[in-house]
Structure formats: structure tokens, C-alpha cells
């Protein structure tokens, strides 16, 4: 008797073929290496294809655009950062007092945003930080605010804490305002103290 035909479950992404997964990984490794060696501005689809040993069409089929490729590279670093929040050592990871975790979160997010500023801009609207990563950080900050016993609209308060750590605001403060990073972090900690009543 023949095996029954299994249909994909609704809302579940199709299973990736092994060769497609290998190609994707090779392309992302090549792109990450080129970003580290040359900087985001010098990384083209052609350069990534050449570094990975595939045709340019393969890169476009896989990522659709340079923005899509940069978003995938950003997603890799974002996933590593999220893992450090979820299961890394304290105070960023679990095991520390919620206030210490919140301050470690703010400092780490500020540093990560500045390190990946060019990549975030290159990823554009397709960047993971625009959707998935923001959801993660918002939920994490809301959780910490809840642990700290903060009253009020936690999603709105979390947004108030996250906004100063995003590229558009950081760039405006650093370039137009001339604020050094230390002042930005001190200001963020002051805002966190006011919101939490510490």
C-alpha cells in the first residue's frame, strides 16, 4: 500500500532542501566575512556570490535584494545577542536582580546598535530589528518592568525605554547634539530610574 501524501501544515514554512540550506549558509558566511573585512558599504551581491563560489542569480533568488541579504546577516548577529539575553551569564542573562538586568540590557543594546549601525541601515525596512527583534526586546523590557513592580502601561513604558536605543535617535543625538556615548548611557539610566521609581 503506498504511503499517504502528507500536506504541509498551514502557516508553517516549507522544509528547506539540504542543498538549499548549504547554499544559504555559504552565502551568509561569505557575506559576514566580507562585512567584517570590507565594511557594509563595500559588500555587493556580486562580491558575495564570488566569495561563496555561486552565481549572482543564486544570491538574488535566495535573498531577493541587497537589503534582504543584509537583513539576513543582521538576523544572525541579532540571534546571538538574543541568546545572551535568554541564557547568557548575568547580569544580561538570567540570575541577576531585575534592575541590574535592565541596566545591563540598556548598555548592551546601545553598544550592539552602535556596532551594527551600518548593517541596520543597509537592512532597511526588511531588517529583523524592524519587526522580530523589536518584539523580543519589548517583551523582555516589559517582563523586567513587571518584575520591578512598575505600575502603568508596560508596553508604552517599554517603548519609551527602547526608543533612545534605536539608530535614528542615537544618530540624531550623536551627530546633531554632539552627545558622547557615556552621556547617552547615563541619560538612558536616568530615564530607567524615573520609570521604575528607583
C-alpha atoms as a PDB file:
ATOM      1  CA  UNK A   1       0.000   0.000   0.000  1.00  0.00           C
ATOM      2  CA  UNK A   2       1.507   3.429  -0.922  1.00  0.00           C
ATOM      3  CA  UNK A   3       2.436   5.896   1.810  1.00  0.00           C
ATOM      4  CA  UNK A   4      -0.196   8.608   2.371  1.00  0.00           C
ATOM      5  CA  UNK A   5       0.618  12.004   0.891  1.00  0.00           C
ATOM      6  CA  UNK A   6       1.419  14.484   3.652  1.00  0.00           C
ATOM      7  CA  UNK A   7       0.348  18.051   3.066  1.00  0.00           C
ATOM      8  CA  UNK A   8       2.185  20.978   4.672  1.00  0.00           C
ATOM      9  CA  UNK A   9       0.667  22.328   7.862  1.00  0.00           C
ATOM     10  CA  UNK A  10      -0.986  25.728   7.439  1.00  0.00           C
ATOM     11  CA  UNK A  11       1.180  28.735   8.323  1.00  0.00           C
ATOM     12  CA  UNK A  12       4.286  26.549   8.528  1.00  0.00           C
ATOM     13  CA  UNK A  13       7.233  27.444   6.271  1.00  0.00           C
ATOM     14  CA  UNK A  14       8.185  24.773   3.719  1.00  0.00           C
ATOM     15  CA  UNK A  15      11.040  22.477   4.681  1.00  0.00           C
ATOM     16  CA  UNK A  16      14.302  23.677   3.130  1.00  0.00           C
ATOM     17  CA  UNK A  17      16.182  21.226   0.906  1.00  0.00           C
ATOM     18  CA  UNK A  18      19.620  20.215   2.206  1.00  0.00           C
ATOM     19  CA  UNK A  19      21.467  21.725  -0.769  1.00  0.00           C
ATOM     20  CA  UNK A  20      19.490  24.970  -0.461  1.00  0.00           C
ATOM     21  CA  UNK A  21      20.338  25.140   3.247  1.00  0.00           C
ATOM     22  CA  UNK A  22      24.033  24.617   2.452  1.00  0.00           C
ATOM     23  CA  UNK A  23      23.924  27.364  -0.188  1.00  0.00           C
ATOM     24  CA  UNK A  24      22.218  29.735   2.225  1.00  0.00           C
ATOM     25  CA  UNK A  25      24.793  29.060   4.932  1.00  0.00           C
ATOM     26  CA  UNK A  26      27.690  29.501   2.487  1.00  0.00           C
ATOM     27  CA  UNK A  27      26.248  32.813   1.279  1.00  0.00           C
ATOM     28  CA  UNK A  28      25.703  34.105   4.816  1.00  0.00           C
ATOM     29  CA  UNK A  29      29.218  33.082   5.888  1.00  0.00           C
ATOM     30  CA  UNK A  30      30.663  34.849   2.848  1.00  0.00           C
ATOM     31  CA  UNK A  31      28.569  37.958   3.486  1.00  0.00           C
ATOM     32  CA  UNK A  32      29.526  38.101   7.188  1.00  0.00           C
ATOM     33  CA  UNK A  33      33.194  37.693   6.308  1.00  0.00           C
ATOM     34  CA  UNK A  34      33.042  40.465   3.691  1.00  0.00           C
ATOM     35  CA  UNK A  35      31.213  42.797   6.102  1.00  0.00           C
ATOM     36  CA  UNK A  36      33.951  42.249   8.698  1.00  0.00           C
ATOM     37  CA  UNK A  37      36.790  42.673   6.184  1.00  0.00           C
ATOM     38  CA  UNK A  38      35.483  45.498   3.984  1.00  0.00           C
ATOM     39  CA  UNK A  39      32.606  47.124   5.820  1.00  0.00           C
ATOM     40  CA  UNK A  40      28.932  47.048   4.912  1.00  0.00           C
ATOM     41  CA  UNK A  41      29.168  49.755   2.234  1.00  0.00           C
ATOM     42  CA  UNK A  42      31.577  47.708   0.115  1.00  0.00           C
ATOM     43  CA  UNK A  43      29.589  44.461   0.126  1.00  0.00           C
ATOM     44  CA  UNK A  44      27.718  43.779  -3.115  1.00  0.00           C
ATOM     45  CA  UNK A  45      25.630  40.841  -4.260  1.00  0.00           C
ATOM     46  CA  UNK A  46      28.322  40.107  -6.867  1.00  0.00           C
ATOM     47  CA  UNK A  47      31.079  40.072  -4.235  1.00  0.00           C
ATOM     48  CA  UNK A  48      29.098  37.702  -2.014  1.00  0.00           C
ATOM     49  CA  UNK A  49      28.376  35.380  -4.947  1.00  0.00           C
ATOM     50  CA  UNK A  50      32.064  35.290  -5.892  1.00  0.00           C
ATOM     51  CA  UNK A  51      33.174  34.691  -2.299  1.00  0.00           C
ATOM     52  CA  UNK A  52      30.680  31.835  -1.910  1.00  0.00           C
ATOM     53  CA  UNK A  53      31.521  30.323  -5.309  1.00  0.00           C
ATOM     54  CA  UNK A  54      27.999  30.600  -6.748  1.00  0.00           C
ATOM     55  CA  UNK A  55      26.324  32.654  -9.458  1.00  0.00           C
ATOM     56  CA  UNK A  56      24.880  36.093  -8.713  1.00  0.00           C
ATOM     57  CA  UNK A  57      21.422  34.764  -9.594  1.00  0.00           C
ATOM     58  CA  UNK A  58      21.637  32.328  -6.679  1.00  0.00           C
ATOM     59  CA  UNK A  59      22.140  35.219  -4.253  1.00  0.00           C
ATOM     60  CA  UNK A  60      19.189  37.128  -5.703  1.00  0.00           C
ATOM     61  CA  UNK A  61      16.937  34.049  -5.671  1.00  0.00           C
ATOM     62  CA  UNK A  62      17.804  33.386  -2.055  1.00  0.00           C
ATOM     63  CA  UNK A  63      17.657  36.946  -0.633  1.00  0.00           C
ATOM     64  CA  UNK A  64      15.857  38.935  -3.391  1.00  0.00           C
ATOM     65  CA  UNK A  65      17.841  42.132  -2.796  1.00  0.00           C
ATOM     66  CA  UNK A  66      20.906  43.551  -1.083  1.00  0.00           C
ATOM     67  CA  UNK A  67      18.610  44.739   1.722  1.00  0.00           C
ATOM     68  CA  UNK A  68      17.336  41.174   2.134  1.00  0.00           C
ATOM     69  CA  UNK A  69      20.895  39.856   2.304  1.00  0.00           C
ATOM     70  CA  UNK A  70      21.937  42.475   4.864  1.00  0.00           C
ATOM     71  CA  UNK A  71      18.804  41.695   6.897  1.00  0.00           C
ATOM     72  CA  UNK A  72      19.819  38.016   6.988  1.00  0.00           C
ATOM     73  CA  UNK A  73      23.342  38.937   8.141  1.00  0.00           C
ATOM     74  CA  UNK A  74      21.833  41.223  10.788  1.00  0.00           C
ATOM     75  CA  UNK A  75      19.484  38.448  11.876  1.00  0.00           C
ATOM     76  CA  UNK A  76      22.498  36.229  12.614  1.00  0.00           C
ATOM     77  CA  UNK A  77      24.060  38.767  14.998  1.00  0.00           C
ATOM     78  CA  UNK A  78      20.645  39.571  16.463  1.00  0.00           C
ATOM     79  CA  UNK A  79      20.016  35.905  17.218  1.00  0.00           C
ATOM     80  CA  UNK A  80      23.364  35.641  19.014  1.00  0.00           C
ATOM     81  CA  UNK A  81      22.556  38.738  21.081  1.00  0.00           C
ATOM     82  CA  UNK A  82      19.097  37.401  21.972  1.00  0.00           C
ATOM     83  CA  UNK A  83      20.656  34.115  23.088  1.00  0.00           C
ATOM     84  CA  UNK A  84      22.884  36.034  25.501  1.00  0.00           C
ATOM     85  CA  UNK A  85      19.784  37.719  26.967  1.00  0.00           C
ATOM     86  CA  UNK A  86      17.854  34.448  27.252  1.00  0.00           C
ATOM     87  CA  UNK A  87      20.566  32.132  28.549  1.00  0.00           C
ATOM     88  CA  UNK A  88      23.857  34.011  28.816  1.00  0.00           C
ATOM     89  CA  UNK A  89      25.662  34.924  32.013  1.00  0.00           C
ATOM     90  CA  UNK A  90      24.201  37.554  34.339  1.00  0.00           C
ATOM     91  CA  UNK A  91      23.594  40.413  34.565  1.00  0.00           C
ATOM     92  CA  UNK A  92      22.439  40.464  30.918  1.00  0.00           C
ATOM     93  CA  UNK A  93      21.290  36.866  31.168  1.00  0.00           C
ATOM     94  CA  UNK A  94      19.150  35.286  33.897  1.00  0.00           C
ATOM     95  CA  UNK A  95      20.180  35.145  37.540  1.00  0.00           C
ATOM     96  CA  UNK A  96      20.689  38.820  38.365  1.00  0.00           C
ATOM     97  CA  UNK A  97      18.414  41.310  40.084  1.00  0.00           C
ATOM     98  CA  UNK A  98      15.839  42.723  37.567  1.00  0.00           C
ATOM     99  CA  UNK A  99      17.248  46.246  37.955  1.00  0.00           C
ATOM    100  CA  UNK A 100      20.773  45.034  37.193  1.00  0.00           C
ATOM    101  CA  UNK A 101      19.416  43.116  34.201  1.00  0.00           C
ATOM    102  CA  UNK A 102      17.587  46.195  32.911  1.00  0.00           C
ATOM    103  CA  UNK A 103      20.726  48.351  33.114  1.00  0.00           C
ATOM    104  CA  UNK A 104      22.827  45.607  31.505  1.00  0.00           C
ATOM    105  CA  UNK A 105      20.201  45.318  28.774  1.00  0.00           C
ATOM    106  CA  UNK A 106      20.307  49.065  28.046  1.00  0.00           C
ATOM    107  CA  UNK A 107      24.087  49.176  27.907  1.00  0.00           C
ATOM    108  CA  UNK A 108      24.341  46.040  25.756  1.00  0.00           C
ATOM    109  CA  UNK A 109      21.604  47.191  23.371  1.00  0.00           C
ATOM    110  CA  UNK A 110      23.212  50.607  22.959  1.00  0.00           C
ATOM    111  CA  UNK A 111      26.619  49.051  22.232  1.00  0.00           C
ATOM    112  CA  UNK A 112      25.172  46.468  19.838  1.00  0.00           C
ATOM    113  CA  UNK A 113      23.186  49.092  17.956  1.00  0.00           C
ATOM    114  CA  UNK A 114      26.266  51.272  17.502  1.00  0.00           C
ATOM    115  CA  UNK A 115      28.444  48.339  16.404  1.00  0.00           C
ATOM    116  CA  UNK A 116      25.871  47.239  13.816  1.00  0.00           C
ATOM    117  CA  UNK A 117      24.659  50.712  12.797  1.00  0.00           C
ATOM    118  CA  UNK A 118      25.765  50.381   9.155  1.00  0.00           C
ATOM    119  CA  UNK A 119      24.259  46.913   8.902  1.00  0.00           C
ATOM    120  CA  UNK A 120      20.951  48.063  10.416  1.00  0.00           C
ATOM    121  CA  UNK A 121      20.749  50.916   7.908  1.00  0.00           C
ATOM    122  CA  UNK A 122      21.669  48.598   4.992  1.00  0.00           C
ATOM    123  CA  UNK A 123      18.958  46.122   6.019  1.00  0.00           C
ATOM    124  CA  UNK A 124      16.386  48.900   5.680  1.00  0.00           C
ATOM    125  CA  UNK A 125      12.743  48.096   6.211  1.00  0.00           C
ATOM    126  CA  UNK A 126      13.412  44.373   5.792  1.00  0.00           C
ATOM    127  CA  UNK A 127      15.805  44.348   8.759  1.00  0.00           C
ATOM    128  CA  UNK A 128      14.959  41.922  11.532  1.00  0.00           C
ATOM    129  CA  UNK A 129      15.330  44.688  14.103  1.00  0.00           C
ATOM    130  CA  UNK A 130      12.386  46.432  12.495  1.00  0.00           C
ATOM    131  CA  UNK A 131       9.952  43.667  13.453  1.00  0.00           C
ATOM    132  CA  UNK A 132      11.025  40.460  15.170  1.00  0.00           C
ATOM    133  CA  UNK A 133      13.879  41.872  17.194  1.00  0.00           C
ATOM    134  CA  UNK A 134      11.787  44.795  18.430  1.00  0.00           C
ATOM    135  CA  UNK A 135       9.103  42.363  19.613  1.00  0.00           C
ATOM    136  CA  UNK A 136      11.715  40.401  21.544  1.00  0.00           C
ATOM    137  CA  UNK A 137      13.250  43.461  23.210  1.00  0.00           C
ATOM    138  CA  UNK A 138       9.835  44.946  24.022  1.00  0.00           C
ATOM    139  CA  UNK A 139       8.676  41.720  25.685  1.00  0.00           C
ATOM    140  CA  UNK A 140      11.940  41.437  27.616  1.00  0.00           C
ATOM    141  CA  UNK A 141      11.772  45.014  28.926  1.00  0.00           C
ATOM    142  CA  UNK A 142       8.082  44.606  29.838  1.00  0.00           C
ATOM    143  CA  UNK A 143       8.987  41.435  31.746  1.00  0.00           C
ATOM    144  CA  UNK A 144      11.728  43.238  33.688  1.00  0.00           C
ATOM    145  CA  UNK A 145       9.437  46.187  34.443  1.00  0.00           C
ATOM    146  CA  UNK A 146       6.840  43.737  35.736  1.00  0.00           C
ATOM    147  CA  UNK A 147       9.454  42.071  37.954  1.00  0.00           C
ATOM    148  CA  UNK A 148      10.375  45.509  39.290  1.00  0.00           C
ATOM    149  CA  UNK A 149       6.735  46.133  40.258  1.00  0.00           C
ATOM    150  CA  UNK A 150       6.282  49.072  37.894  1.00  0.00           C
ATOM    151  CA  UNK A 151       2.708  50.336  37.631  1.00  0.00           C
ATOM    152  CA  UNK A 152       1.244  51.729  34.453  1.00  0.00           C
ATOM    153  CA  UNK A 153       1.016  50.782  30.801  1.00  0.00           C
ATOM    154  CA  UNK A 154       4.036  48.486  30.500  1.00  0.00           C
ATOM    155  CA  UNK A 155       4.042  48.263  26.672  1.00  0.00           C
ATOM    156  CA  UNK A 156       4.131  52.066  26.408  1.00  0.00           C
ATOM    157  CA  UNK A 157       6.779  52.368  29.124  1.00  0.00           C
ATOM    158  CA  UNK A 158       8.882  49.699  27.392  1.00  0.00           C
ATOM    159  CA  UNK A 159       8.625  51.673  24.141  1.00  0.00           C
ATOM    160  CA  UNK A 160       9.822  54.791  25.975  1.00  0.00           C
ATOM    161  CA  UNK A 161      12.888  52.856  27.153  1.00  0.00           C
ATOM    162  CA  UNK A 162      13.607  51.282  23.765  1.00  0.00           C
ATOM    163  CA  UNK A 163      13.251  54.373  21.571  1.00  0.00           C
ATOM    164  CA  UNK A 164      16.505  56.061  22.704  1.00  0.00           C
ATOM    165  CA  UNK A 165      18.417  52.881  21.796  1.00  0.00           C
ATOM    166  CA  UNK A 166      17.358  52.890  18.129  1.00  0.00           C
ATOM    167  CA  UNK A 167      19.546  54.171  15.283  1.00  0.00           C
ATOM    168  CA  UNK A 168      17.528  57.264  14.212  1.00  0.00           C
ATOM    169  CA  UNK A 169      17.513  58.728  17.718  1.00  0.00           C
ATOM    170  CA  UNK A 170      21.092  57.722  18.521  1.00  0.00           C
ATOM    171  CA  UNK A 171      22.330  59.280  15.283  1.00  0.00           C
ATOM    172  CA  UNK A 172      20.445  62.493  15.910  1.00  0.00           C
ATOM    173  CA  UNK A 173      21.806  62.812  19.439  1.00  0.00           C
ATOM    174  CA  UNK A 174      25.368  61.895  18.494  1.00  0.00           C
ATOM    175  CA  UNK A 175      25.661  63.945  15.299  1.00  0.00           C
ATOM    176  CA  UNK A 176      23.371  66.934  15.885  1.00  0.00           C
ATOM    177  CA  UNK A 177      23.551  67.055  19.660  1.00  0.00           C
ATOM    178  CA  UNK A 178      27.187  66.054  19.893  1.00  0.00           C
ATOM    179  CA  UNK A 179      26.407  63.706  22.792  1.00  0.00           C
ATOM    180  CA  UNK A 180      29.152  61.192  23.659  1.00  0.00           C
ATOM    181  CA  UNK A 181      28.143  57.569  24.250  1.00  0.00           C
ATOM    182  CA  UNK A 182      28.713  57.927  28.008  1.00  0.00           C
ATOM    183  CA  UNK A 183      26.174  60.755  28.175  1.00  0.00           C
ATOM    184  CA  UNK A 184      23.642  58.742  26.176  1.00  0.00           C
ATOM    185  CA  UNK A 185      24.000  55.792  28.546  1.00  0.00           C
ATOM    186  CA  UNK A 186      23.777  57.996  31.634  1.00  0.00           C
ATOM    187  CA  UNK A 187      20.644  59.627  30.232  1.00  0.00           C
ATOM    188  CA  UNK A 188      19.124  56.235  29.499  1.00  0.00           C
ATOM    189  CA  UNK A 189      19.830  55.054  33.047  1.00  0.00           C
ATOM    190  CA  UNK A 190      18.224  58.235  34.390  1.00  0.00           C
ATOM    191  CA  UNK A 191      15.123  57.552  32.284  1.00  0.00           C
ATOM    192  CA  UNK A 192      15.037  53.951  33.551  1.00  0.00           C
ATOM    193  CA  UNK A 193      15.258  55.188  37.162  1.00  0.00           C
ATOM    194  CA  UNK A 194      12.386  57.600  36.634  1.00  0.00           C
ATOM    195  CA  UNK A 195      10.181  54.943  35.020  1.00  0.00           C
ATOM    196  CA  UNK A 196      10.942  52.332  37.673  1.00  0.00           C
ATOM    197  CA  UNK A 197      10.961  54.726  40.631  1.00  0.00           C
ATOM    198  CA  UNK A 198      14.456  53.610  41.690  1.00  0.00           C
END
